[in-house]
Structure formats: C-alpha cells, structure tokens
Amino acid sequence: MVVALVAVACGSSSATSSSKKPAKAVFDIGVIEDETGSNSTTNQPQVNGLVAWDHFVNTTGGIDGHSVHLDICDAQSSVTGAVACASRVSGDGIIVENGLTGEMAAATPIVLS
C-alpha cells in the first residue's frame, strides 16, 4: 500500500460551557480511495484498515486529545471520480491519496492547490 500524505492542518473546534475548557479541534482527514470499480478488490482492505484505525484512535483518547474524522470518498477507480473526490475533500485538513495510479495523479494538483 502506498499512501501519500499531502497537506496537514486542523479542522474546526467547538467551545463548551464556560466551566469547561474548549474542546480540541477535530482532525479532519479526507481519504481518496477506490472503493468501487477495477481497483476496489485491492483497496477495500485499506479502507477497512483506516476505519479500524479511526475507531481505535477515537476510543483511546484521540491524538493528543484531538478526535479524528475520516471523510472517505470513493474515486470509483476513475480519473473523473478521483478529481471529484479531490474537490470534495480539499477542505479537509489532512488529505490521503492511495497509490500512484493515473487516477490519483489527476487528483493531486487539486489537492495541492
């Protein structure tokens, strides 16, 4: 599995009542993955692993107290799908593209902009 981490930042935070400290920001992670189409057979286990990691992190206190939110977008094993996913998740603080396929190469400039 090849994963490229493209950009890093935090999501939004929300304040609680004045007697408590503000909640830490959520780490929003956009994931561009082929869940359907010709690449789905090899990629679905990777999606399952990310979902398991997300569950583990959030049930054990997060990352330094920050919870994690995965925004998994199905690129449908196509350039069109990868580009649409890149546009959708480009607002997430952290973007993960799976693999070095032509589909992901087409999505990279959008993610980096």
Protein backbone atom coordinates (compact mmCIF):
# COMPACT_ATOMS: atom_id res chain seq x y z
CA MET A 1 0.00 0.00 0.00
CA VAL A 2 1.35 3.40 -0.97
CA VAL A 3 -0.18 6.36 0.80
CA ALA A 4 0.79 9.96 0.16
CA LEU A 5 0.13 12.48 2.88
CA VAL A 6 -0.43 15.71 1.04
CA ALA A 7 -1.46 18.50 3.44
CA VAL A 8 -1.73 18.92 7.19
CA ALA A 9 -3.91 21.22 9.31
CA CYS A 10 -6.67 21.07 11.92
CA GLY A 11 -10.41 21.17 11.48
CA SER A 12 -12.70 23.44 13.42
CA SER A 13 -13.11 23.43 17.17
CA SER A 14 -16.22 23.96 19.20
CA ALA A 15 -16.48 25.66 22.57
CA THR A 16 -18.29 24.14 25.53
CA SER A 17 -19.78 25.86 28.57
CA SER A 18 -17.68 28.42 30.45
CA SER A 19 -16.94 25.93 33.25
CA LYS A 20 -15.10 23.60 30.85
CA LYS A 21 -12.14 24.06 28.57
CA PRO A 22 -12.93 24.41 24.87
CA ALA A 23 -12.91 21.11 23.02
CA LYS A 24 -9.81 20.43 20.98
CA ALA A 25 -10.12 20.72 17.22
CA VAL A 26 -11.06 17.62 15.27
CA PHE A 27 -8.52 16.33 12.78
CA ASP A 28 -10.47 16.06 9.53
CA ILE A 29 -8.84 13.53 7.22
CA GLY A 30 -10.00 13.34 3.62
CA VAL A 31 -9.31 9.95 2.06
CA ILE A 32 -9.43 9.39 -1.69
CA GLU A 33 -9.86 5.66 -2.20
CA ASP A 34 -11.19 3.34 -4.91
CA GLU A 35 -13.98 1.50 -3.08
CA THR A 36 -15.70 0.50 -6.33
CA GLY A 37 -14.50 -0.24 -9.84
CA SER A 38 -11.49 -2.18 -11.06
CA ASN A 39 -9.23 -1.27 -8.12
CA SER A 40 -11.77 -1.97 -5.39
CA THR A 41 -10.64 -5.54 -4.69
CA THR A 42 -7.21 -4.43 -3.57
CA ASN A 43 -8.29 -1.16 -1.97
CA GLN A 44 -11.19 -2.24 0.23
CA PRO A 45 -8.90 -3.83 2.84
CA GLN A 46 -7.07 -0.49 3.07
CA VAL A 47 -10.36 1.31 3.69
CA ASN A 48 -11.23 -1.25 6.35
CA GLY A 49 -7.84 -0.63 7.99
CA LEU A 50 -8.36 3.13 8.01
CA VAL A 51 -11.81 2.74 9.55
CA ALA A 52 -10.38 0.40 12.23
CA TRP A 53 -7.57 2.91 12.93
CA ASP A 54 -10.13 5.74 13.21
CA HIS A 55 -12.17 3.71 15.70
CA PHE A 56 -9.09 2.79 17.74
CA VAL A 57 -7.78 6.36 17.88
CA ASN A 58 -11.13 7.85 18.86
CA THR A 59 -11.89 5.24 21.54
CA THR A 60 -8.45 5.63 23.14
CA GLY A 61 -8.45 9.40 23.57
CA GLY A 62 -7.62 10.67 20.11
CA ILE A 63 -4.33 12.17 19.01
CA ASP A 64 -3.15 14.35 21.86
CA GLY A 65 -6.81 14.76 22.81
CA HIS A 66 -7.99 15.55 19.27
CA SER A 67 -10.60 13.21 17.80
CA VAL A 68 -10.28 12.09 14.19
CA HIS A 69 -12.94 12.29 11.47
CA LEU A 70 -12.44 10.30 8.26
CA ASP A 71 -14.08 11.67 5.12
CA ILE A 72 -13.73 8.69 2.77
CA CYS A 73 -14.54 9.45 -0.85
CA ASP A 74 -14.93 6.66 -3.43
CA ALA A 75 -12.92 7.59 -6.52
CA GLN A 76 -14.62 4.71 -8.37
CA SER A 77 -11.31 3.64 -9.99
CA SER A 78 -11.63 6.50 -12.47
CA VAL A 79 -9.97 9.82 -13.24
CA THR A 80 -13.35 11.57 -13.08
CA GLY A 81 -14.08 10.04 -9.67
CA ALA A 82 -10.62 10.89 -8.29
CA VAL A 83 -10.89 14.50 -9.45
CA ALA A 84 -14.39 14.82 -7.94
CA CYS A 85 -13.11 13.36 -4.66
CA ALA A 86 -10.14 15.72 -4.62
CA SER A 87 -12.51 18.66 -4.99
CA ARG A 88 -14.76 17.32 -2.22
CA VAL A 89 -12.03 16.63 0.36
CA SER A 90 -9.77 19.57 -0.46
CA GLY A 91 -11.23 21.47 2.50
CA ASP A 92 -10.25 18.73 4.95
CA GLY A 93 -7.12 19.45 6.94
CA ILE A 94 -5.29 16.26 6.01
CA ILE A 95 -5.62 14.55 2.63
CA VAL A 96 -4.65 10.94 1.97
CA GLU A 97 -4.40 9.66 -1.59
CA ASN A 98 -3.95 5.95 -2.04
CA GLY A 99 -1.49 4.74 -4.63
CA LEU A 100 0.34 6.17 -7.57
CA THR A 101 -2.25 5.46 -10.22
CA GLY A 102 -3.22 7.68 -13.11
CA GLU A 103 -6.43 8.46 -11.26
CA MET A 104 -4.57 9.75 -8.24
CA ALA A 105 -2.08 11.65 -10.41
CA ALA A 106 -5.04 13.54 -11.88
CA ALA A 107 -6.32 14.39 -8.39
CA THR A 108 -3.01 15.57 -6.93
CA PRO A 109 -2.95 19.11 -8.43
CA ILE A 110 -6.40 19.80 -6.96
CA VAL A 111 -5.36 18.59 -3.54
CA LEU A 112 -2.18 20.69 -3.64
CA SER A 113 -3.93 23.89 -4.74
